[in-house]
């Protein structure tokens, strides 16, 4: 969602990325239109545009006073899009890493991270059907998020980020972390913001899980180990793949579905045109 907004002309404010469209009111219509385009393409779930409105990002951009407003606004705009569509579409409340993205080192202030998960969930809670812990890079990060939002008694989807050889940025094995996560009874576990090449590494292990498994493929060229995303637009540093066309995306999703994937979605640089191709899989 955030990357698509940047591609549609939203000018980033510092490191807010796509969440800049929440801060700048002139882009609110663009947020609704983008949600609607994904819905029209066949998406059964839309994700709140809150990846960049985490507390840490707002602090570093001098906008922490806007924390409640931006996250509440994201929920309202997602709700508005669903109402306009007049379709049965679920809203996932995006709860991103509360430190750096793709980074296992959480720093020393774990209390701040846990509280940030809880408070962002609090503002999204009235507007979403379930929470989505997005791009978790270690078991510690997963556990902090899961325990922080437990009080809202809402269903949870957990997105775990992996690199090569089926390992998280923390060095932990995907299946080891996923089995710990499934003890918390999520509605599903997905490999989040990954290349399909890295995803192939874990498909066999995914069959050992007792909860639905799926994925969100990205179209970045490469995410370097240890990279801290501090760019206004990550694709400037990470590049955009030219081979992952909508047709190719469908072919990959078909293969992964045949291997047992139950939840299928797209991440950075996957557009409504890509999602539209998935209709044949439903």
Protein backbone atom coordinates (compact mmCIF):
# COMPACT_ATOMS: atom_id res chain seq x y z
CA UNK A 1 0.00 0.00 0.00
CA UNK A 2 2.69 2.49 1.00
CA UNK A 3 4.91 1.80 -1.99
CA UNK A 4 1.95 2.09 -4.36
CA UNK A 5 1.11 5.51 -2.92
CA UNK A 6 4.66 6.70 -3.58
CA UNK A 7 4.41 5.37 -7.12
CA UNK A 8 1.21 7.40 -7.54
CA UNK A 9 2.94 10.66 -6.77
CA UNK A 10 2.76 11.04 -2.99
CA UNK A 11 5.76 13.13 -1.97
CA UNK A 12 7.38 11.57 1.11
CA UNK A 13 7.77 13.60 4.28
CA UNK A 14 11.08 12.50 5.78
CA UNK A 15 11.01 8.77 6.49
CA UNK A 16 7.23 8.42 6.72
CA UNK A 17 7.20 6.82 3.26
CA UNK A 18 3.57 6.15 2.22
CA UNK A 19 2.24 7.37 5.56
CA UNK A 20 3.04 10.87 4.28
CA UNK A 21 -0.34 10.56 2.57
CA UNK A 22 -1.97 10.54 6.01
CA UNK A 23 -0.07 13.60 7.21
CA UNK A 24 -0.82 15.64 4.09
CA UNK A 25 -4.58 15.95 3.79
CA UNK A 26 -4.44 16.59 0.04
CA UNK A 27 -3.49 12.93 -0.43
CA UNK A 28 -6.40 11.42 1.53
CA UNK A 29 -8.39 10.90 -1.68
CA UNK A 30 -5.37 9.12 -3.15
CA UNK A 31 -5.33 6.71 -0.20
CA UNK A 32 -9.02 5.87 -0.67
CA UNK A 33 -8.60 5.55 -4.46
CA UNK A 34 -5.63 3.21 -4.02
CA UNK A 35 -7.55 1.00 -1.58
CA UNK A 36 -10.45 0.94 -4.05
CA UNK A 37 -8.20 -0.02 -6.96
CA UNK A 38 -6.92 -3.02 -5.01
CA UNK A 39 -10.51 -3.97 -4.12
CA UNK A 40 -11.64 -3.62 -7.75
CA UNK A 41 -8.71 -5.80 -8.77
CA UNK A 42 -10.10 -8.56 -6.55
CA UNK A 43 -8.36 -8.10 -3.20
CA UNK A 44 -10.34 -9.72 -0.38
CA UNK A 45 -8.27 -7.92 2.26
CA UNK A 46 -6.86 -4.39 2.30
CA UNK A 47 -4.14 -3.25 4.70
CA UNK A 48 -4.19 0.04 6.59
CA UNK A 49 -1.59 2.54 5.42
CA UNK A 50 0.18 2.55 8.80
CA UNK A 51 3.57 1.03 8.04
CA UNK A 52 5.21 4.46 8.26
CA UNK A 53 3.08 5.89 11.08
CA UNK A 54 4.77 3.90 13.85
CA UNK A 55 5.80 5.98 16.86
CA UNK A 56 9.54 5.73 16.24
CA UNK A 57 9.23 7.16 12.71
CA UNK A 58 7.06 10.02 13.95
CA UNK A 59 9.55 10.86 16.70
CA UNK A 60 12.46 11.02 14.26
CA UNK A 61 10.42 13.29 11.97
CA UNK A 62 9.24 15.59 14.79
CA UNK A 63 5.61 14.54 14.40
CA UNK A 64 4.89 12.43 17.49
CA UNK A 65 1.99 14.77 18.38
CA UNK A 66 0.29 13.43 15.21
CA UNK A 67 0.57 9.78 16.32
CA UNK A 68 -3.07 9.21 17.25
CA UNK A 69 -4.40 11.33 14.41
CA UNK A 70 -2.46 9.61 11.61
CA UNK A 71 -3.25 6.06 12.73
CA UNK A 72 -6.90 6.87 13.32
CA UNK A 73 -7.05 8.55 9.92
CA UNK A 74 -5.62 5.44 8.25
CA UNK A 75 -8.39 3.32 9.78
CA UNK A 76 -11.08 5.76 8.71
CA UNK A 77 -9.83 5.94 5.11
CA UNK A 78 -9.71 2.15 4.83
CA UNK A 79 -13.27 1.95 6.21
CA UNK A 80 -14.40 4.59 3.74
CA UNK A 81 -12.96 2.64 0.81
CA UNK A 82 -14.73 -0.55 1.86
CA UNK A 83 -18.03 1.32 2.27
CA UNK A 84 -17.72 2.88 -1.19
CA UNK A 85 -16.87 -0.48 -2.77
CA UNK A 86 -20.00 -2.10 -1.32
CA UNK A 87 -18.08 -5.37 -1.23
CA UNK A 88 -17.30 -7.83 1.52
CA UNK A 89 -13.66 -6.87 2.12
CA UNK A 90 -11.72 -7.29 5.36
CA UNK A 91 -9.41 -4.64 6.79
CA UNK A 92 -6.08 -5.71 8.28
CA UNK A 93 -4.54 -3.32 10.79
CA UNK A 94 -0.88 -3.06 9.81
CA UNK A 95 1.43 -3.15 12.83
CA UNK A 96 4.98 -2.82 11.47
CA UNK A 97 8.30 -3.31 13.28
CA UNK A 98 8.53 -0.65 15.97
CA UNK A 99 12.28 -0.28 15.44
CA UNK A 100 13.99 -0.64 12.03
CA UNK A 101 12.41 -2.69 9.23
CA UNK A 102 14.18 -5.95 8.25
CA UNK A 103 16.39 -5.51 11.34
CA UNK A 104 16.62 -8.01 14.21
CA UNK A 105 18.39 -5.71 16.68
CA UNK A 106 15.62 -4.16 18.78
CA UNK A 107 17.93 -2.00 20.84
CA UNK A 108 17.79 -1.73 24.62
CA UNK A 109 14.35 -0.19 25.15
CA UNK A 110 12.08 -3.20 24.69
CA UNK A 111 9.45 -1.50 26.87
CA UNK A 112 9.17 1.29 24.27
CA UNK A 113 8.72 -1.24 21.45
CA UNK A 114 6.03 -3.19 23.29
CA UNK A 115 4.16 -0.02 24.22
CA UNK A 116 4.38 1.18 20.62
CA UNK A 117 2.78 -2.02 19.36
CA UNK A 118 0.02 -1.64 21.96
CA UNK A 119 -0.74 2.01 21.29
CA UNK A 120 -0.76 1.73 17.49
CA UNK A 121 -3.13 -1.23 17.83
CA UNK A 122 -5.32 0.83 20.17
CA UNK A 123 -5.85 3.54 17.54
CA UNK A 124 -6.53 1.03 14.75
CA UNK A 125 -8.74 -1.29 16.79
CA UNK A 126 -12.13 0.38 16.07
CA UNK A 127 -11.60 0.17 12.30
CA UNK A 128 -10.03 -3.21 11.56
CA UNK A 129 -11.20 -6.81 11.37
CA UNK A 130 -7.89 -8.24 12.53
CA UNK A 131 -4.32 -7.15 13.26
CA UNK A 132 -1.41 -7.91 10.98
CA UNK A 133 2.05 -8.04 12.56
CA UNK A 134 4.05 -7.15 9.48
CA UNK A 135 7.67 -8.07 8.59
CA UNK A 136 8.79 -9.43 11.96
CA UNK A 137 12.52 -10.18 11.94
CA UNK A 138 12.98 -12.26 15.11
CA UNK A 139 11.04 -14.32 17.63
CA UNK A 140 11.63 -11.57 20.20
CA UNK A 141 9.91 -9.05 17.91
CA UNK A 142 7.01 -11.44 17.31
CA UNK A 143 6.57 -12.14 21.01
CA UNK A 144 6.61 -8.44 21.96
CA UNK A 145 3.95 -7.67 19.36
CA UNK A 146 1.76 -10.67 20.25
CA UNK A 147 1.82 -9.95 23.99
CA UNK A 148 1.26 -6.20 23.49
CA UNK A 149 -1.96 -6.56 21.48
CA UNK A 150 -3.40 -9.59 23.26
CA UNK A 151 -5.63 -7.34 25.37
CA UNK A 152 -7.71 -6.33 22.33
CA UNK A 153 -8.87 -9.94 21.84
CA UNK A 154 -8.78 -9.58 18.07
CA UNK A 155 -7.58 -12.16 15.57
CA UNK A 156 -3.98 -11.83 14.39
CA UNK A 157 -2.09 -12.65 11.20
CA UNK A 158 1.69 -12.81 11.66
CA UNK A 159 4.12 -11.89 8.86
CA UNK A 160 7.66 -13.21 9.30
CA UNK A 161 10.47 -11.80 7.17
CA UNK A 162 13.06 -14.22 5.80
CA UNK A 163 16.29 -13.97 3.82
CA UNK A 164 18.30 -16.75 2.22
CA UNK A 165 18.42 -20.34 3.51
CA UNK A 166 15.09 -19.98 5.32
CA UNK A 167 16.55 -17.75 8.02
CA UNK A 168 15.17 -14.57 9.60
CA UNK A 169 17.48 -11.53 9.88
CA UNK A 170 18.04 -12.74 13.47
CA UNK A 171 19.59 -15.95 12.12
CA UNK A 172 16.72 -18.04 13.50
CA UNK A 173 15.12 -20.70 11.31
CA UNK A 174 11.72 -19.78 9.90
CA UNK A 175 10.07 -23.01 11.02
CA UNK A 176 11.42 -22.62 14.58
CA UNK A 177 9.92 -19.15 14.95
CA UNK A 178 6.70 -20.09 13.13
CA UNK A 179 6.05 -23.00 15.49
CA UNK A 180 6.44 -20.66 18.47
CA UNK A 181 4.05 -18.18 16.86
CA UNK A 182 1.39 -20.80 16.15
CA UNK A 183 1.11 -21.51 19.88
CA UNK A 184 -0.58 -18.09 20.08
CA UNK A 185 -3.29 -19.35 17.70
CA UNK A 186 -2.97 -16.82 14.85
CA UNK A 187 -5.38 -17.03 11.91
CA UNK A 188 -2.32 -17.60 9.74
CA UNK A 189 1.43 -17.18 9.33
CA UNK A 190 2.95 -15.67 6.22
CA UNK A 191 6.41 -15.09 4.82
CA UNK A 192 6.30 -11.30 4.61
CA UNK A 193 8.00 -9.00 2.09
CA UNK A 194 10.18 -11.72 0.59
CA UNK A 195 11.48 -12.62 -2.85
CA UNK A 196 9.94 -15.74 -4.35
CA UNK A 197 13.43 -17.24 -4.55
CA UNK A 198 13.78 -17.01 -0.74
CA UNK A 199 10.23 -18.25 -0.30
CA UNK A 200 11.05 -21.50 -2.12
CA UNK A 201 13.50 -22.28 0.68
CA UNK A 202 10.72 -22.71 3.27
CA UNK A 203 7.83 -24.28 1.35
CA UNK A 204 8.60 -27.81 2.58
CA UNK A 205 8.86 -26.67 6.20
CA UNK A 206 5.58 -24.73 5.90
CA UNK A 207 3.72 -28.04 5.61
CA UNK A 208 4.69 -28.79 9.22
CA UNK A 209 2.55 -25.91 10.46
CA UNK A 210 -0.92 -26.46 11.92
CA UNK A 211 -2.24 -23.03 10.88
CA UNK A 212 -2.77 -21.65 7.34
CA UNK A 213 0.46 -20.56 5.67
CA UNK A 214 0.95 -18.00 2.92
CA UNK A 215 3.14 -15.21 1.59
CA UNK A 216 3.51 -11.61 0.45
CA UNK A 217 6.07 -11.39 -2.35
CA UNK A 218 7.96 -8.15 -2.97
CA UNK A 219 9.44 -6.95 -6.26
CA UNK A 220 12.63 -5.41 -4.90
CA UNK A 221 15.86 -6.39 -6.63
CA UNK A 222 17.78 -7.04 -3.42
CA UNK A 223 17.69 -6.27 0.31
CA UNK A 224 21.30 -6.12 1.54
CA UNK A 225 22.06 -7.80 4.90
CA UNK A 226 22.02 -5.25 7.71
CA UNK A 227 20.42 -2.54 5.57
CA UNK A 228 18.60 0.08 7.65
CA UNK A 229 15.78 1.61 5.62
CA UNK A 230 16.37 5.31 6.05
CA UNK A 231 15.63 6.35 2.47
CA UNK A 232 12.57 8.44 1.59
CA UNK A 233 11.73 5.79 -0.98
CA UNK A 234 13.28 2.34 -0.42
CA UNK A 235 13.26 1.35 -4.10
CA UNK A 236 15.89 4.04 -4.71
CA UNK A 237 18.33 1.84 -2.76
CA UNK A 238 16.74 -1.57 -3.27
CA UNK A 239 15.79 -1.32 -6.93
CA UNK A 240 12.70 -2.65 -8.71
CA UNK A 241 12.64 -5.98 -10.51
CA UNK A 242 11.61 -5.84 -14.14
CA UNK A 243 10.95 -9.58 -14.51
CA UNK A 244 8.07 -9.79 -12.01
CA UNK A 245 5.29 -8.84 -14.43
CA UNK A 246 1.63 -9.49 -13.52
CA UNK A 247 1.73 -12.62 -15.72
CA UNK A 248 4.91 -13.90 -14.05
CA UNK A 249 3.46 -13.10 -10.61
CA UNK A 250 0.42 -15.26 -11.39
CA UNK A 251 2.61 -18.16 -12.55
CA UNK A 252 4.63 -18.01 -9.33
CA UNK A 253 1.50 -17.84 -7.16
CA UNK A 254 0.01 -20.86 -8.95
CA UNK A 255 3.13 -22.90 -8.22
CA UNK A 256 3.21 -21.84 -4.58
CA UNK A 257 -0.49 -22.55 -4.15
CA UNK A 258 0.07 -26.06 -5.51
CA UNK A 259 2.74 -26.47 -2.82
CA UNK A 260 0.29 -25.64 -0.05
CA UNK A 261 0.10 -21.85 0.29
CA UNK A 262 -3.35 -20.84 1.57
CA UNK A 263 -2.89 -17.06 1.89
CA UNK A 264 -1.63 -15.18 -1.16
CA UNK A 265 -0.77 -11.51 -1.40
CA UNK A 266 1.66 -8.95 -2.73
CA UNK A 267 4.07 -6.62 -0.97
CA UNK A 268 6.28 -3.74 -2.15
CA UNK A 269 5.94 -2.93 -5.87
CA UNK A 270 3.07 -5.41 -6.37
CA UNK A 271 0.33 -3.31 -7.95
CA UNK A 272 -3.45 -3.73 -8.48
CA UNK A 273 -2.58 -5.05 -11.97
CA UNK A 274 -0.66 -7.91 -10.33
CA UNK A 275 -3.50 -8.64 -7.90
CA UNK A 276 -6.07 -8.66 -10.70
CA UNK A 277 -4.29 -11.67 -12.20
CA UNK A 278 -4.97 -13.67 -9.02
CA UNK A 279 -8.72 -13.82 -9.68
CA UNK A 280 -8.22 -17.12 -11.50
CA UNK A 281 -6.84 -18.64 -8.27
CA UNK A 282 -9.91 -17.83 -6.16
